């Protein structure tokens, strides 16, 4: 049986006068139409998939690069539940519910720096990845108590940034704590996010003397966490993406905050839908809220 996408590719080759040979297909949906087809000639054509958005290829974010670096070092992820399921390399969601077409494109003045544990960078349920997808100036480093990454230390000392370490204020002396983000035309806010479990985050905070000089941004959320991908005994503890969205809002990056909030909700729906073996549903309120932040692809003519 010839798939419709394959038939379209064959017909296009006939139209442009190329031989019908091996067709290269990038399958973004398992057993369904691929999100796009690459044609080896003068034109690249984007096809939508069953009414879904076409996929735009983005450059890897800092978390993706950090994952690749760890893999190059020979470090393998823990084989947690569901590890046998085939996942998209770019969005980490099971192929049938790929999220790549829903990655938003939005401007922001703020930057983010994710301090991660060695395990967290491999977890498909990690939401720091979503932040790095949304915020253009994103950085990610593996935490080390004794050997902090020199690039991270240089980033903290970069004069273009005003770093804020995001952490609950009740664990810090009051003189270091702020609940607001100063708007300074000469410096841009850089939010340092400890992307780890709560136990690990407290350890990172206590054992990182290079953070001692930074102001502590303590958030005052007025809602409970919507994160349902891992179990938590504290509903008032927000996940990393929810924290980042609040930080962006405080910094005046309202569009980036709204895009990240919607992107987080769509990610959660795709992730849980795949886990529960539900059909893909891209007609939800969360998808509609995210849609204005999706950049539409254009057909690209080769030189």
C-alpha atoms as a PDB file:
ATOM      1  CA  UNK A   1       0.000   0.000   0.000  1.00  0.00           C
ATOM      2  CA  UNK A   2       1.407   3.389  -0.996  1.00  0.00           C
ATOM      3  CA  UNK A   3       1.039   6.094   1.628  1.00  0.00           C
ATOM      4  CA  UNK A   4      -0.560   9.355   0.443  1.00  0.00           C
ATOM      5  CA  UNK A   5       2.581  11.334   1.317  1.00  0.00           C
ATOM      6  CA  UNK A   6       4.725   9.001  -0.748  1.00  0.00           C
ATOM      7  CA  UNK A   7       2.281   9.342  -3.651  1.00  0.00           C
ATOM      8  CA  UNK A   8       2.493  13.154  -3.426  1.00  0.00           C
ATOM      9  CA  UNK A   9       6.285  13.029  -3.525  1.00  0.00           C
ATOM     10  CA  UNK A  10       6.260  10.724  -6.556  1.00  0.00           C
ATOM     11  CA  UNK A  11       3.789  12.958  -8.396  1.00  0.00           C
ATOM     12  CA  UNK A  12       5.878  16.042  -7.643  1.00  0.00           C
ATOM     13  CA  UNK A  13       8.992  14.417  -9.103  1.00  0.00           C
ATOM     14  CA  UNK A  14       7.078  13.628 -12.248  1.00  0.00           C
ATOM     15  CA  UNK A  15       5.901  17.243 -12.503  1.00  0.00           C
ATOM     16  CA  UNK A  16       9.418  18.684 -12.223  1.00  0.00           C
ATOM     17  CA  UNK A  17      10.832  16.066 -14.571  1.00  0.00           C
ATOM     18  CA  UNK A  18      12.942  14.102 -12.117  1.00  0.00           C
ATOM     19  CA  UNK A  19      13.152  10.301 -12.074  1.00  0.00           C
ATOM     20  CA  UNK A  20      10.947   8.502  -9.615  1.00  0.00           C
ATOM     21  CA  UNK A  21      13.414   6.697  -7.444  1.00  0.00           C
ATOM     22  CA  UNK A  22      14.053   6.445  -3.755  1.00  0.00           C
ATOM     23  CA  UNK A  23      11.918   8.912  -1.860  1.00  0.00           C
ATOM     24  CA  UNK A  24      13.241  10.423   1.351  1.00  0.00           C
ATOM     25  CA  UNK A  25      10.476  10.790   3.892  1.00  0.00           C
ATOM     26  CA  UNK A  26      10.759  12.245   7.369  1.00  0.00           C
ATOM     27  CA  UNK A  27       8.057  10.568   9.431  1.00  0.00           C
ATOM     28  CA  UNK A  28       6.861  12.718  12.259  1.00  0.00           C
ATOM     29  CA  UNK A  29       3.790  10.643  12.901  1.00  0.00           C
ATOM     30  CA  UNK A  30       4.025   6.885  13.235  1.00  0.00           C
ATOM     31  CA  UNK A  31       1.761   5.259  10.695  1.00  0.00           C
ATOM     32  CA  UNK A  32       0.335   8.577   9.513  1.00  0.00           C
ATOM     33  CA  UNK A  33       1.276  11.199   6.985  1.00  0.00           C
ATOM     34  CA  UNK A  34       4.748  12.627   7.644  1.00  0.00           C
ATOM     35  CA  UNK A  35       4.916  16.247   8.707  1.00  0.00           C
ATOM     36  CA  UNK A  36       7.101  17.213   5.787  1.00  0.00           C
ATOM     37  CA  UNK A  37       8.784  15.700   2.742  1.00  0.00           C
ATOM     38  CA  UNK A  38      12.221  16.696   1.503  1.00  0.00           C
ATOM     39  CA  UNK A  39      12.507  16.819  -2.284  1.00  0.00           C
ATOM     40  CA  UNK A  40      16.050  16.724  -3.710  1.00  0.00           C
ATOM     41  CA  UNK A  41      15.593  19.434  -6.313  1.00  0.00           C
ATOM     42  CA  UNK A  42      14.813  23.136  -6.631  1.00  0.00           C
ATOM     43  CA  UNK A  43      11.929  23.246  -4.211  1.00  0.00           C
ATOM     44  CA  UNK A  44      11.263  22.203  -0.659  1.00  0.00           C
ATOM     45  CA  UNK A  45       7.557  21.766  -0.050  1.00  0.00           C
ATOM     46  CA  UNK A  46       5.874  21.639   3.356  1.00  0.00           C
ATOM     47  CA  UNK A  47       2.866  19.344   3.754  1.00  0.00           C
ATOM     48  CA  UNK A  48       0.517  19.513   6.702  1.00  0.00           C
ATOM     49  CA  UNK A  49      -0.260  16.291   8.497  1.00  0.00           C
ATOM     50  CA  UNK A  50      -3.900  15.379   8.879  1.00  0.00           C
ATOM     51  CA  UNK A  51      -4.832  18.998   9.473  1.00  0.00           C
ATOM     52  CA  UNK A  52      -1.890  19.591  11.815  1.00  0.00           C
ATOM     53  CA  UNK A  53       0.737  22.289  11.447  1.00  0.00           C
ATOM     54  CA  UNK A  54       3.808  21.751   9.244  1.00  0.00           C
ATOM     55  CA  UNK A  55       7.105  21.301  11.035  1.00  0.00           C
ATOM     56  CA  UNK A  56       9.782  23.988  10.971  1.00  0.00           C
ATOM     57  CA  UNK A  57      13.308  22.782  11.696  1.00  0.00           C
ATOM     58  CA  UNK A  58      14.769  24.803  14.584  1.00  0.00           C
ATOM     59  CA  UNK A  59      18.337  24.978  15.806  1.00  0.00           C
ATOM     60  CA  UNK A  60      18.919  22.809  18.905  1.00  0.00           C
ATOM     61  CA  UNK A  61      18.438  24.684  22.165  1.00  0.00           C
ATOM     62  CA  UNK A  62      20.949  24.676  25.029  1.00  0.00           C
ATOM     63  CA  UNK A  63      19.346  21.691  26.764  1.00  0.00           C
ATOM     64  CA  UNK A  64      19.431  19.639  23.557  1.00  0.00           C
ATOM     65  CA  UNK A  65      23.094  20.506  23.058  1.00  0.00           C
ATOM     66  CA  UNK A  66      23.826  19.576  26.657  1.00  0.00           C
ATOM     67  CA  UNK A  67      22.092  16.217  26.197  1.00  0.00           C
ATOM     68  CA  UNK A  68      24.109  15.576  23.025  1.00  0.00           C
ATOM     69  CA  UNK A  69      27.309  16.510  24.846  1.00  0.00           C
ATOM     70  CA  UNK A  70      26.563  14.067  27.641  1.00  0.00           C
ATOM     71  CA  UNK A  71      25.841  11.314  25.138  1.00  0.00           C
ATOM     72  CA  UNK A  72      29.117  12.051  23.327  1.00  0.00           C
ATOM     73  CA  UNK A  73      30.853  11.603  26.680  1.00  0.00           C
ATOM     74  CA  UNK A  74      29.399   8.095  26.839  1.00  0.00           C
ATOM     75  CA  UNK A  75      26.792   8.863  29.498  1.00  0.00           C
ATOM     76  CA  UNK A  76      23.568   6.972  28.926  1.00  0.00           C
ATOM     77  CA  UNK A  77      20.122   7.950  30.209  1.00  0.00           C
ATOM     78  CA  UNK A  78      18.413   5.921  32.894  1.00  0.00           C
ATOM     79  CA  UNK A  79      15.982   3.449  31.381  1.00  0.00           C
ATOM     80  CA  UNK A  80      12.856   4.641  33.147  1.00  0.00           C
ATOM     81  CA  UNK A  81       9.290   3.516  32.481  1.00  0.00           C
ATOM     82  CA  UNK A  82       8.360   3.963  28.824  1.00  0.00           C
ATOM     83  CA  UNK A  83      11.954   4.021  27.575  1.00  0.00           C
ATOM     84  CA  UNK A  84      11.157   1.489  24.835  1.00  0.00           C
ATOM     85  CA  UNK A  85       8.692   3.838  23.141  1.00  0.00           C
ATOM     86  CA  UNK A  86      10.096   5.584  20.087  1.00  0.00           C
ATOM     87  CA  UNK A  87      10.404   9.288  20.830  1.00  0.00           C
ATOM     88  CA  UNK A  88      11.022  12.277  18.603  1.00  0.00           C
ATOM     89  CA  UNK A  89      14.654  13.288  18.956  1.00  0.00           C
ATOM     90  CA  UNK A  90      13.761  16.992  18.923  1.00  0.00           C
ATOM     91  CA  UNK A  91      10.801  17.258  21.322  1.00  0.00           C
ATOM     92  CA  UNK A  92      11.212  13.993  23.323  1.00  0.00           C
ATOM     93  CA  UNK A  93       7.524  13.130  22.986  1.00  0.00           C
ATOM     94  CA  UNK A  94       6.432   9.740  21.621  1.00  0.00           C
ATOM     95  CA  UNK A  95       6.421   9.955  17.820  1.00  0.00           C
ATOM     96  CA  UNK A  96       2.668   9.596  17.401  1.00  0.00           C
ATOM     97  CA  UNK A  97       2.155  12.783  19.461  1.00  0.00           C
ATOM     98  CA  UNK A  98       5.183  14.763  18.235  1.00  0.00           C
ATOM     99  CA  UNK A  99       5.227  18.357  19.496  1.00  0.00           C
ATOM    100  CA  UNK A 100       7.670  19.866  16.988  1.00  0.00           C
ATOM    101  CA  UNK A 101       5.051  21.657  14.891  1.00  0.00           C
ATOM    102  CA  UNK A 102       3.848  23.515  17.992  1.00  0.00           C
ATOM    103  CA  UNK A 103       7.146  25.081  19.016  1.00  0.00           C
ATOM    104  CA  UNK A 104       6.480  28.844  19.361  1.00  0.00           C
ATOM    105  CA  UNK A 105       8.578  31.690  18.026  1.00  0.00           C
ATOM    106  CA  UNK A 106       8.513  34.826  20.156  1.00  0.00           C
ATOM    107  CA  UNK A 107      10.849  37.683  21.090  1.00  0.00           C
ATOM    108  CA  UNK A 108      12.034  38.274  24.652  1.00  0.00           C
ATOM    109  CA  UNK A 109      14.500  40.605  26.321  1.00  0.00           C
ATOM    110  CA  UNK A 110      15.177  38.232  29.201  1.00  0.00           C
ATOM    111  CA  UNK A 111      17.577  35.308  29.232  1.00  0.00           C
ATOM    112  CA  UNK A 112      17.481  32.031  31.134  1.00  0.00           C
ATOM    113  CA  UNK A 113      20.210  29.852  32.589  1.00  0.00           C
ATOM    114  CA  UNK A 114      19.208  26.327  33.583  1.00  0.00           C
ATOM    115  CA  UNK A 115      21.318  24.561  36.204  1.00  0.00           C
ATOM    116  CA  UNK A 116      20.574  20.877  35.756  1.00  0.00           C
ATOM    117  CA  UNK A 117      21.529  17.580  37.296  1.00  0.00           C
ATOM    118  CA  UNK A 118      23.065  14.849  35.184  1.00  0.00           C
ATOM    119  CA  UNK A 119      19.826  12.838  35.216  1.00  0.00           C
ATOM    120  CA  UNK A 120      17.432  15.699  34.545  1.00  0.00           C
ATOM    121  CA  UNK A 121      18.843  16.522  31.130  1.00  0.00           C
ATOM    122  CA  UNK A 122      17.759  13.092  29.854  1.00  0.00           C
ATOM    123  CA  UNK A 123      14.225  13.006  31.281  1.00  0.00           C
ATOM    124  CA  UNK A 124      11.527  13.323  28.598  1.00  0.00           C
ATOM    125  CA  UNK A 125       9.202  14.928  31.171  1.00  0.00           C
ATOM    126  CA  UNK A 126      11.680  17.753  31.809  1.00  0.00           C
ATOM    127  CA  UNK A 127      10.123  21.199  31.241  1.00  0.00           C
ATOM    128  CA  UNK A 128      13.358  23.194  31.197  1.00  0.00           C
ATOM    129  CA  UNK A 129      13.541  22.067  27.572  1.00  0.00           C
ATOM    130  CA  UNK A 130      10.344  24.020  26.862  1.00  0.00           C
ATOM    131  CA  UNK A 131      11.836  27.194  28.327  1.00  0.00           C
ATOM    132  CA  UNK A 132      14.887  26.863  26.117  1.00  0.00           C
ATOM    133  CA  UNK A 133      12.583  26.408  23.118  1.00  0.00           C
ATOM    134  CA  UNK A 134      10.779  29.684  23.844  1.00  0.00           C
ATOM    135  CA  UNK A 135      13.495  32.011  25.189  1.00  0.00           C
ATOM    136  CA  UNK A 136      16.075  32.743  22.515  1.00  0.00           C
ATOM    137  CA  UNK A 137      18.931  33.548  24.918  1.00  0.00           C
ATOM    138  CA  UNK A 138      18.998  30.204  26.728  1.00  0.00           C
ATOM    139  CA  UNK A 139      21.868  28.505  28.513  1.00  0.00           C
ATOM    140  CA  UNK A 140      22.121  25.154  30.290  1.00  0.00           C
ATOM    141  CA  UNK A 141      24.841  23.662  32.484  1.00  0.00           C
ATOM    142  CA  UNK A 142      25.313  20.523  34.559  1.00  0.00           C
ATOM    143  CA  UNK A 143      25.749  21.430  38.203  1.00  0.00           C
ATOM    144  CA  UNK A 144      29.013  20.677  39.959  1.00  0.00           C
ATOM    145  CA  UNK A 145      29.881  21.658  43.506  1.00  0.00           C
ATOM    146  CA  UNK A 146      33.657  21.521  43.073  1.00  0.00           C
ATOM    147  CA  UNK A 147      34.113  22.156  39.339  1.00  0.00           C
ATOM    148  CA  UNK A 148      31.599  24.759  38.139  1.00  0.00           C
ATOM    149  CA  UNK A 149      31.513  25.245  34.384  1.00  0.00           C
ATOM    150  CA  UNK A 150      33.781  28.193  33.416  1.00  0.00           C
ATOM    151  CA  UNK A 151      31.257  29.275  30.784  1.00  0.00           C
ATOM    152  CA  UNK A 152      28.568  29.484  33.454  1.00  0.00           C
ATOM    153  CA  UNK A 153      30.781  31.633  35.687  1.00  0.00           C
ATOM    154  CA  UNK A 154      31.566  33.899  32.734  1.00  0.00           C
ATOM    155  CA  UNK A 155      27.862  34.236  32.018  1.00  0.00           C
ATOM    156  CA  UNK A 156      27.141  35.292  35.598  1.00  0.00           C
ATOM    157  CA  UNK A 157      29.837  37.980  35.299  1.00  0.00           C
ATOM    158  CA  UNK A 158      28.778  39.214  31.861  1.00  0.00           C
ATOM    159  CA  UNK A 159      27.979  42.953  32.253  1.00  0.00           C
ATOM    160  CA  UNK A 160      25.029  42.799  29.860  1.00  0.00           C
ATOM    161  CA  UNK A 161      23.067  40.644  32.327  1.00  0.00           C
ATOM    162  CA  UNK A 162      21.483  41.199  35.730  1.00  0.00           C
ATOM    163  CA  UNK A 163      21.287  37.671  37.163  1.00  0.00           C
ATOM    164  CA  UNK A 164      18.467  36.606  39.488  1.00  0.00           C
ATOM    165  CA  UNK A 165      18.608  33.254  41.262  1.00  0.00           C
ATOM    166  CA  UNK A 166      15.024  32.016  41.459  1.00  0.00           C
ATOM    167  CA  UNK A 167      14.405  30.333  44.815  1.00  0.00           C
ATOM    168  CA  UNK A 168      11.844  30.461  47.670  1.00  0.00           C
ATOM    169  CA  UNK A 169      12.581  33.429  49.907  1.00  0.00           C
ATOM    170  CA  UNK A 170      11.821  31.634  53.192  1.00  0.00           C
ATOM    171  CA  UNK A 171      15.103  29.729  52.865  1.00  0.00           C
ATOM    172  CA  UNK A 172      17.249  32.865  52.429  1.00  0.00           C
ATOM    173  CA  UNK A 173      18.179  35.840  54.580  1.00  0.00           C
ATOM    174  CA  UNK A 174      15.657  38.619  53.848  1.00  0.00           C
ATOM    175  CA  UNK A 175      18.297  41.119  52.694  1.00  0.00           C
ATOM    176  CA  UNK A 176      18.918  39.066  49.536  1.00  0.00           C
ATOM    177  CA  UNK A 177      15.271  38.539  48.611  1.00  0.00           C
ATOM    178  CA  UNK A 178      13.219  40.467  46.081  1.00  0.00           C
ATOM    179  CA  UNK A 179       9.768  39.845  44.641  1.00  0.00           C
ATOM    180  CA  UNK A 180      10.190  42.134  41.628  1.00  0.00           C
ATOM    181  CA  UNK A 181      12.462  42.434  38.604  1.00  0.00           C
ATOM    182  CA  UNK A 182      14.106  45.820  38.132  1.00  0.00           C
ATOM    183  CA  UNK A 183      13.766  47.302  34.655  1.00  0.00           C
ATOM    184  CA  UNK A 184      17.255  48.488  33.758  1.00  0.00           C
ATOM    185  CA  UNK A 185      17.966  49.706  30.245  1.00  0.00           C
ATOM    186  CA  UNK A 186      21.669  48.938  30.629  1.00  0.00           C
ATOM    187  CA  UNK A 187      21.203  45.333  31.767  1.00  0.00           C
ATOM    188  CA  UNK A 188      18.873  42.531  30.784  1.00  0.00           C
ATOM    189  CA  UNK A 189      17.419  40.113  33.348  1.00  0.00           C
ATOM    190  CA  UNK A 190      18.963  36.652  33.428  1.00  0.00           C
ATOM    191  CA  UNK A 191      16.952  34.119  35.399  1.00  0.00           C
ATOM    192  CA  UNK A 192      18.967  31.324  37.015  1.00  0.00           C
ATOM    193  CA  UNK A 193      16.660  28.309  37.362  1.00  0.00           C
ATOM    194  CA  UNK A 194      17.611  25.216  39.352  1.00  0.00           C
ATOM    195  CA  UNK A 195      16.062  22.581  37.096  1.00  0.00           C
ATOM    196  CA  UNK A 196      15.976  19.576  39.402  1.00  0.00           C
ATOM    197  CA  UNK A 197      13.794  17.880  41.984  1.00  0.00           C
ATOM    198  CA  UNK A 198      13.062  19.942  45.085  1.00  0.00           C
ATOM    199  CA  UNK A 199      15.526  17.906  47.165  1.00  0.00           C
ATOM    200  CA  UNK A 200      18.249  18.323  44.547  1.00  0.00           C
ATOM    201  CA  UNK A 201      17.504  22.037  44.109  1.00  0.00           C
ATOM    202  CA  UNK A 202      17.971  22.690  47.830  1.00  0.00           C
ATOM    203  CA  UNK A 203      21.290  20.847  47.714  1.00  0.00           C
ATOM    204  CA  UNK A 204      22.433  22.892  44.715  1.00  0.00           C
ATOM    205  CA  UNK A 205      21.438  26.106  46.475  1.00  0.00           C
ATOM    206  CA  UNK A 206      23.298  25.242  49.694  1.00  0.00           C
ATOM    207  CA  UNK A 207      26.471  23.964  48.071  1.00  0.00           C
ATOM    208  CA  UNK A 208      27.061  26.570  45.342  1.00  0.00           C
ATOM    209  CA  UNK A 209      29.065  29.456  46.821  1.00  0.00           C
ATOM    210  CA  UNK A 210      29.267  31.121  43.404  1.00  0.00           C
ATOM    211  CA  UNK A 211      25.553  31.934  43.768  1.00  0.00           C
ATOM    212  CA  UNK A 212      25.979  33.665  47.145  1.00  0.00           C
ATOM    213  CA  UNK A 213      26.329  37.177  45.698  1.00  0.00           C
ATOM    214  CA  UNK A 214      23.225  36.952  43.497  1.00  0.00           C
ATOM    215  CA  UNK A 215      19.865  38.466  44.450  1.00  0.00           C
ATOM    216  CA  UNK A 216      17.143  35.908  45.149  1.00  0.00           C
ATOM    217  CA  UNK A 217      13.936  36.281  43.174  1.00  0.00           C
ATOM    218  CA  UNK A 218      11.153  34.786  45.284  1.00  0.00           C
ATOM    219  CA  UNK A 219       7.910  34.305  43.402  1.00  0.00           C
ATOM    220  CA  UNK A 220       4.428  34.703  44.844  1.00  0.00           C
ATOM    221  CA  UNK A 221       2.248  32.500  42.625  1.00  0.00           C
ATOM    222  CA  UNK A 222      -1.507  32.834  42.951  1.00  0.00           C
ATOM    223  CA  UNK A 223      -2.270  29.396  41.498  1.00  0.00           C
ATOM    224  CA  UNK A 224      -1.408  25.770  42.030  1.00  0.00           C
ATOM    225  CA  UNK A 225       0.815  23.822  39.690  1.00  0.00           C
ATOM    226  CA  UNK A 226      -0.703  22.344  36.535  1.00  0.00           C
ATOM    227  CA  UNK A 227       2.188  19.889  36.162  1.00  0.00           C
ATOM    228  CA  UNK A 228       0.929  16.285  36.081  1.00  0.00           C
ATOM    229  CA  UNK A 229       3.792  14.383  34.454  1.00  0.00           C
ATOM    230  CA  UNK A 230       5.468  13.444  37.742  1.00  0.00           C
ATOM    231  CA  UNK A 231       4.135  12.891  41.230  1.00  0.00           C
ATOM    232  CA  UNK A 232       4.563  15.686  43.764  1.00  0.00           C
ATOM    233  CA  UNK A 233       3.522  15.935  47.388  1.00  0.00           C
ATOM    234  CA  UNK A 234       3.462  19.740  47.242  1.00  0.00           C
ATOM    235  CA  UNK A 235       0.892  21.222  44.861  1.00  0.00           C
ATOM    236  CA  UNK A 236       2.174  24.729  45.604  1.00  0.00           C
ATOM    237  CA  UNK A 237       5.542  23.830  44.082  1.00  0.00           C
ATOM    238  CA  UNK A 238       5.527  24.896  40.442  1.00  0.00           C
ATOM    239  CA  UNK A 239       7.477  23.078  37.752  1.00  0.00           C
ATOM    240  CA  UNK A 240      10.385  24.837  36.075  1.00  0.00           C
ATOM    241  CA  UNK A 241       8.399  26.002  33.027  1.00  0.00           C
ATOM    242  CA  UNK A 242       5.668  27.513  35.228  1.00  0.00           C
ATOM    243  CA  UNK A 243       8.305  29.336  37.281  1.00  0.00           C
ATOM    244  CA  UNK A 244       9.970  30.680  34.136  1.00  0.00           C
ATOM    245  CA  UNK A 245       6.659  31.994  32.786  1.00  0.00           C
ATOM    246  CA  UNK A 246       6.124  33.974  36.014  1.00  0.00           C
ATOM    247  CA  UNK A 247       9.666  35.362  35.762  1.00  0.00           C
ATOM    248  CA  UNK A 248       9.125  36.485  32.174  1.00  0.00           C
ATOM    249  CA  UNK A 249       5.874  38.197  33.168  1.00  0.00           C
ATOM    250  CA  UNK A 250       7.647  40.097  35.962  1.00  0.00           C
ATOM    251  CA  UNK A 251      10.330  41.203  33.476  1.00  0.00           C
ATOM    252  CA  UNK A 252       7.763  42.603  31.050  1.00  0.00           C
ATOM    253  CA  UNK A 253       8.126  39.797  28.504  1.00  0.00           C
ATOM    254  CA  UNK A 254       4.382  39.166  28.453  1.00  0.00           C
ATOM    255  CA  UNK A 255       4.265  37.525  25.012  1.00  0.00           C
ATOM    256  CA  UNK A 256       7.021  35.083  25.919  1.00  0.00           C
ATOM    257  CA  UNK A 257       5.285  34.319  29.230  1.00  0.00           C
ATOM    258  CA  UNK A 258       1.952  33.633  27.509  1.00  0.00           C
ATOM    259  CA  UNK A 259       3.602  31.518  24.796  1.00  0.00           C
ATOM    260  CA  UNK A 260       5.483  29.456  27.375  1.00  0.00           C
ATOM    261  CA  UNK A 261       2.339  28.916  29.453  1.00  0.00           C
ATOM    262  CA  UNK A 262       0.402  27.692  26.419  1.00  0.00           C
ATOM    263  CA  UNK A 263       3.349  25.617  25.163  1.00  0.00           C
ATOM    264  CA  UNK A 264       3.579  23.915  28.566  1.00  0.00           C
ATOM    265  CA  UNK A 265      -0.126  23.023  28.476  1.00  0.00           C
ATOM    266  CA  UNK A 266       0.135  21.650  24.925  1.00  0.00           C
ATOM    267  CA  UNK A 267       3.248  19.647  25.856  1.00  0.00           C
ATOM    268  CA  UNK A 268       1.437  18.168  28.864  1.00  0.00           C
ATOM    269  CA  UNK A 269      -1.527  17.152  26.709  1.00  0.00           C
ATOM    270  CA  UNK A 270       0.673  15.546  24.034  1.00  0.00           C
ATOM    271  CA  UNK A 271       2.834  13.772  26.609  1.00  0.00           C
ATOM    272  CA  UNK A 272      -0.080  12.373  28.618  1.00  0.00           C
ATOM    273  CA  UNK A 273      -2.091  11.579  25.474  1.00  0.00           C
ATOM    274  CA  UNK A 274       0.759   9.434  24.189  1.00  0.00           C
ATOM    275  CA  UNK A 275       1.287   7.814  27.585  1.00  0.00           C
ATOM    276  CA  UNK A 276      -2.405   6.928  27.842  1.00  0.00           C
ATOM    277  CA  UNK A 277      -2.551   5.844  24.162  1.00  0.00           C
ATOM    278  CA  UNK A 278      -5.194   8.432  23.298  1.00  0.00           C
ATOM    279  CA  UNK A 279      -5.742   9.790  19.793  1.00  0.00           C
ATOM    280  CA  UNK A 280      -4.018  13.047  18.978  1.00  0.00           C
ATOM    281  CA  UNK A 281      -6.266  16.032  19.681  1.00  0.00           C
ATOM    282  CA  UNK A 282      -4.987  19.367  18.396  1.00  0.00           C
ATOM    283  CA  UNK A 283      -8.319  21.198  18.729  1.00  0.00           C
ATOM    284  CA  UNK A 284      -8.046  21.990  22.438  1.00  0.00           C
ATOM    285  CA  UNK A 285      -8.165  25.484  24.019  1.00  0.00           C
ATOM    286  CA  UNK A 286      -4.442  25.179  24.802  1.00  0.00           C
ATOM    287  CA  UNK A 287      -3.599  24.625  21.124  1.00  0.00           C
ATOM    288  CA  UNK A 288      -5.780  27.588  20.145  1.00  0.00           C
ATOM    289  CA  UNK A 289      -3.979  29.781  22.689  1.00  0.00           C
ATOM    290  CA  UNK A 290      -0.577  28.728  21.376  1.00  0.00           C
ATOM    291  CA  UNK A 291      -1.427  29.069  17.692  1.00  0.00           C
ATOM    292  CA  UNK A 292      -0.753  32.858  17.402  1.00  0.00           C
ATOM    293  CA  UNK A 293       2.864  32.236  18.433  1.00  0.00           C
ATOM    294  CA  UNK A 294       3.546  29.616  15.742  1.00  0.00           C
ATOM    295  CA  UNK A 295       5.591  30.845  12.790  1.00  0.00           C
ATOM    296  CA  UNK A 296       4.178  29.685   9.489  1.00  0.00           C
ATOM    297  CA  UNK A 297       6.740  28.073   7.146  1.00  0.00           C
ATOM    298  CA  UNK A 298       7.352  29.211   3.609  1.00  0.00           C
ATOM    299  CA  UNK A 299       8.321  27.168   0.555  1.00  0.00           C
ATOM    300  CA  UNK A 300      12.060  27.581   0.081  1.00  0.00           C
ATOM    301  CA  UNK A 301      13.546  27.854  -3.393  1.00  0.00           C
ATOM    302  CA  UNK A 302      17.077  26.533  -3.752  1.00  0.00           C
ATOM    303  CA  UNK A 303      19.598  28.826  -5.440  1.00  0.00           C
END
